[in-house]
Amino acid sequence: MVHVRIVLTEKKENVLLVAIIILALIALAIYWLTRTSETKRSGGTSLRRTAASHINANGTPKRGYASMDAAQDAAKKQSSSTNQSMSAYKCSTCKLFHIGHA
């Protein structure tokens, strides 16, 4: 009788362990889906945009453009004046358009 009780206890522990592993995998899947559901930008930029993403390398705030055309025009002007390739993109945080290095 003791042997039967030990086997049942071990089975309950195994079921509990499997349930914990399944819940951990589900939590990981949900985290990964919410992390990557935002619009991605090319060039290896961060998937998550923060308030710091609205600051240029020199510490000044990035300028927001109301339209993609206005941002692309500004990117062309800055590209020609700095000899660096610039591109326009829509910001997922503020929904305006910014320019950055391509």
C-alpha atoms as a PDB file:
ATOM      1  CA  MET A   1       0.000   0.000   0.000  1.00  0.00           C
ATOM      2  CA  VAL A   2       2.872   2.389   0.714  1.00  0.00           C
ATOM      3  CA  HIS A   3       4.321   1.641  -2.701  1.00  0.00           C
ATOM      4  CA  VAL A   4       1.070   2.651  -4.453  1.00  0.00           C
ATOM      5  CA  ARG A   5       0.938   5.943  -2.541  1.00  0.00           C
ATOM      6  CA  ILE A   6       4.534   6.799  -3.535  1.00  0.00           C
ATOM      7  CA  VAL A   7       3.795   6.113  -7.216  1.00  0.00           C
ATOM      8  CA  LEU A   8       0.709   8.340  -7.107  1.00  0.00           C
ATOM      9  CA  THR A   9       2.682  11.134  -5.420  1.00  0.00           C
ATOM     10  CA  GLU A  10       5.407  10.906  -8.077  1.00  0.00           C
ATOM     11  CA  LYS A  11       2.788  11.063 -10.838  1.00  0.00           C
ATOM     12  CA  LYS A  12       1.236  14.169  -9.282  1.00  0.00           C
ATOM     13  CA  GLU A  13       4.679  15.799  -9.110  1.00  0.00           C
ATOM     14  CA  ASN A  14       5.312  14.941 -12.762  1.00  0.00           C
ATOM     15  CA  VAL A  15       1.945  16.382 -13.814  1.00  0.00           C
ATOM     16  CA  LEU A  16       2.683  19.532 -11.820  1.00  0.00           C
ATOM     17  CA  LEU A  17       6.118  19.851 -13.399  1.00  0.00           C
ATOM     18  CA  VAL A  18       4.690  19.435 -16.910  1.00  0.00           C
ATOM     19  CA  ALA A  19       1.985  22.033 -16.152  1.00  0.00           C
ATOM     20  CA  ILE A  20       4.608  24.519 -14.928  1.00  0.00           C
ATOM     21  CA  ILE A  21       6.709  23.983 -18.067  1.00  0.00           C
ATOM     22  CA  ILE A  22       3.670  24.457 -20.328  1.00  0.00           C
ATOM     23  CA  LEU A  23       2.667  27.669 -18.521  1.00  0.00           C
ATOM     24  CA  ALA A  24       6.231  28.986 -18.801  1.00  0.00           C
ATOM     25  CA  LEU A  25       6.262  28.287 -22.546  1.00  0.00           C
ATOM     26  CA  ILE A  26       2.904  30.017 -23.004  1.00  0.00           C
ATOM     27  CA  ALA A  27       4.158  33.055 -21.054  1.00  0.00           C
ATOM     28  CA  LEU A  28       7.311  33.157 -23.197  1.00  0.00           C
ATOM     29  CA  ALA A  29       5.256  32.957 -26.398  1.00  0.00           C
ATOM     30  CA  ILE A  30       2.969  35.782 -25.275  1.00  0.00           C
ATOM     31  CA  TYR A  31       5.952  37.935 -24.311  1.00  0.00           C
ATOM     32  CA  TRP A  32       7.651  37.311 -27.656  1.00  0.00           C
ATOM     33  CA  LEU A  33       4.496  38.059 -29.658  1.00  0.00           C
ATOM     34  CA  THR A  34       3.877  41.360 -27.868  1.00  0.00           C
ATOM     35  CA  ARG A  35       7.555  42.297 -28.194  1.00  0.00           C
ATOM     36  CA  THR A  36       7.691  41.816 -31.944  1.00  0.00           C
ATOM     37  CA  SER A  37       4.196  42.961 -32.903  1.00  0.00           C
ATOM     38  CA  GLU A  38       5.310  46.578 -33.303  1.00  0.00           C
ATOM     39  CA  THR A  39       6.284  47.851 -36.732  1.00  0.00           C
ATOM     40  CA  LYS A  40       9.911  47.054 -37.398  1.00  0.00           C
ATOM     41  CA  ARG A  41      12.382  49.446 -38.986  1.00  0.00           C
ATOM     42  CA  SER A  42      15.277  48.325 -41.102  1.00  0.00           C
ATOM     43  CA  GLY A  43      18.874  48.786 -40.086  1.00  0.00           C
ATOM     44  CA  GLY A  44      18.800  46.795 -36.853  1.00  0.00           C
ATOM     45  CA  THR A  45      17.018  49.394 -34.764  1.00  0.00           C
ATOM     46  CA  SER A  46      15.310  48.595 -31.493  1.00  0.00           C
ATOM     47  CA  LEU A  47      11.961  46.883 -31.591  1.00  0.00           C
ATOM     48  CA  ARG A  48      10.713  48.990 -28.727  1.00  0.00           C
ATOM     49  CA  ARG A  49      10.660  52.751 -29.049  1.00  0.00           C
ATOM     50  CA  THR A  50      11.144  54.802 -25.897  1.00  0.00           C
ATOM     51  CA  ALA A  51      11.245  58.486 -25.021  1.00  0.00           C
ATOM     52  CA  ALA A  52      15.006  58.313 -25.566  1.00  0.00           C
ATOM     53  CA  SER A  53      14.360  57.365 -29.198  1.00  0.00           C
ATOM     54  CA  HIS A  54      13.206  60.958 -29.730  1.00  0.00           C
ATOM     55  CA  ILE A  55      16.672  62.343 -28.960  1.00  0.00           C
ATOM     56  CA  ASN A  56      19.404  62.794 -31.566  1.00  0.00           C
ATOM     57  CA  ALA A  57      22.983  61.680 -30.983  1.00  0.00           C
ATOM     58  CA  ASN A  58      23.895  65.271 -30.071  1.00  0.00           C
ATOM     59  CA  GLY A  59      21.198  65.380 -27.353  1.00  0.00           C
ATOM     60  CA  THR A  60      18.651  67.533 -29.160  1.00  0.00           C
ATOM     61  CA  PRO A  61      15.056  66.350 -29.702  1.00  0.00           C
ATOM     62  CA  LYS A  62      14.247  64.796 -33.063  1.00  0.00           C
ATOM     63  CA  ARG A  63      11.990  66.831 -35.288  1.00  0.00           C
ATOM     64  CA  GLY A  64       8.611  65.324 -36.096  1.00  0.00           C
ATOM     65  CA  TYR A  65       7.168  65.785 -39.592  1.00  0.00           C
ATOM     66  CA  ALA A  66       3.431  65.631 -40.284  1.00  0.00           C
ATOM     67  CA  SER A  67       3.807  63.707 -43.546  1.00  0.00           C
ATOM     68  CA  MET A  68       6.140  61.171 -45.105  1.00  0.00           C
ATOM     69  CA  ASP A  69       6.738  63.534 -48.052  1.00  0.00           C
ATOM     70  CA  ALA A  70       7.945  66.333 -45.763  1.00  0.00           C
ATOM     71  CA  ALA A  71      10.229  63.925 -43.899  1.00  0.00           C
ATOM     72  CA  GLN A  72      11.628  62.501 -47.150  1.00  0.00           C
ATOM     73  CA  ASP A  73      12.348  66.014 -48.461  1.00  0.00           C
ATOM     74  CA  ALA A  74      14.190  66.856 -45.242  1.00  0.00           C
ATOM     75  CA  ALA A  75      16.110  63.565 -45.440  1.00  0.00           C
ATOM     76  CA  LYS A  76      17.226  64.343 -49.011  1.00  0.00           C
ATOM     77  CA  LYS A  77      18.390  67.830 -48.010  1.00  0.00           C
ATOM     78  CA  GLN A  78      20.277  66.544 -44.998  1.00  0.00           C
ATOM     79  CA  SER A  79      21.780  63.675 -47.012  1.00  0.00           C
ATOM     80  CA  SER A  80      23.176  66.086 -49.582  1.00  0.00           C
ATOM     81  CA  SER A  81      24.498  68.561 -46.999  1.00  0.00           C
ATOM     82  CA  THR A  82      26.153  65.976 -44.720  1.00  0.00           C
ATOM     83  CA  ASN A  83      27.150  63.356 -47.315  1.00  0.00           C
ATOM     84  CA  GLN A  84      25.430  60.698 -45.162  1.00  0.00           C
ATOM     85  CA  SER A  85      22.510  58.563 -46.294  1.00  0.00           C
ATOM     86  CA  MET A  86      19.326  59.564 -44.441  1.00  0.00           C
ATOM     87  CA  SER A  87      15.840  58.078 -44.656  1.00  0.00           C
ATOM     88  CA  ALA A  88      12.358  58.874 -43.362  1.00  0.00           C
ATOM     89  CA  TYR A  89      10.285  56.591 -41.166  1.00  0.00           C
ATOM     90  CA  LYS A  90       7.022  56.653 -39.226  1.00  0.00           C
ATOM     91  CA  CYS A  91       7.512  56.620 -35.463  1.00  0.00           C
ATOM     92  CA  SER A  92       5.437  54.007 -33.662  1.00  0.00           C
ATOM     93  CA  THR A  93       5.552  56.076 -30.450  1.00  0.00           C
ATOM     94  CA  CYS A  94       4.371  59.522 -31.548  1.00  0.00           C
ATOM     95  CA  LYS A  95       2.906  58.577 -34.983  1.00  0.00           C
ATOM     96  CA  LEU A  96       4.859  61.405 -36.657  1.00  0.00           C
ATOM     97  CA  PHE A  97       7.608  60.976 -39.226  1.00  0.00           C
ATOM     98  CA  HIS A  98      11.307  61.342 -38.381  1.00  0.00           C
ATOM     99  CA  ILE A  99      14.529  61.076 -40.331  1.00  0.00           C
ATOM    100  CA  GLY A 100      17.508  58.948 -39.422  1.00  0.00           C
ATOM    101  CA  HIS A 101      20.599  57.308 -40.832  1.00  0.00           C
ATOM    102  CA  ALA A 102      19.723  54.745 -43.474  1.00  0.00           C
END
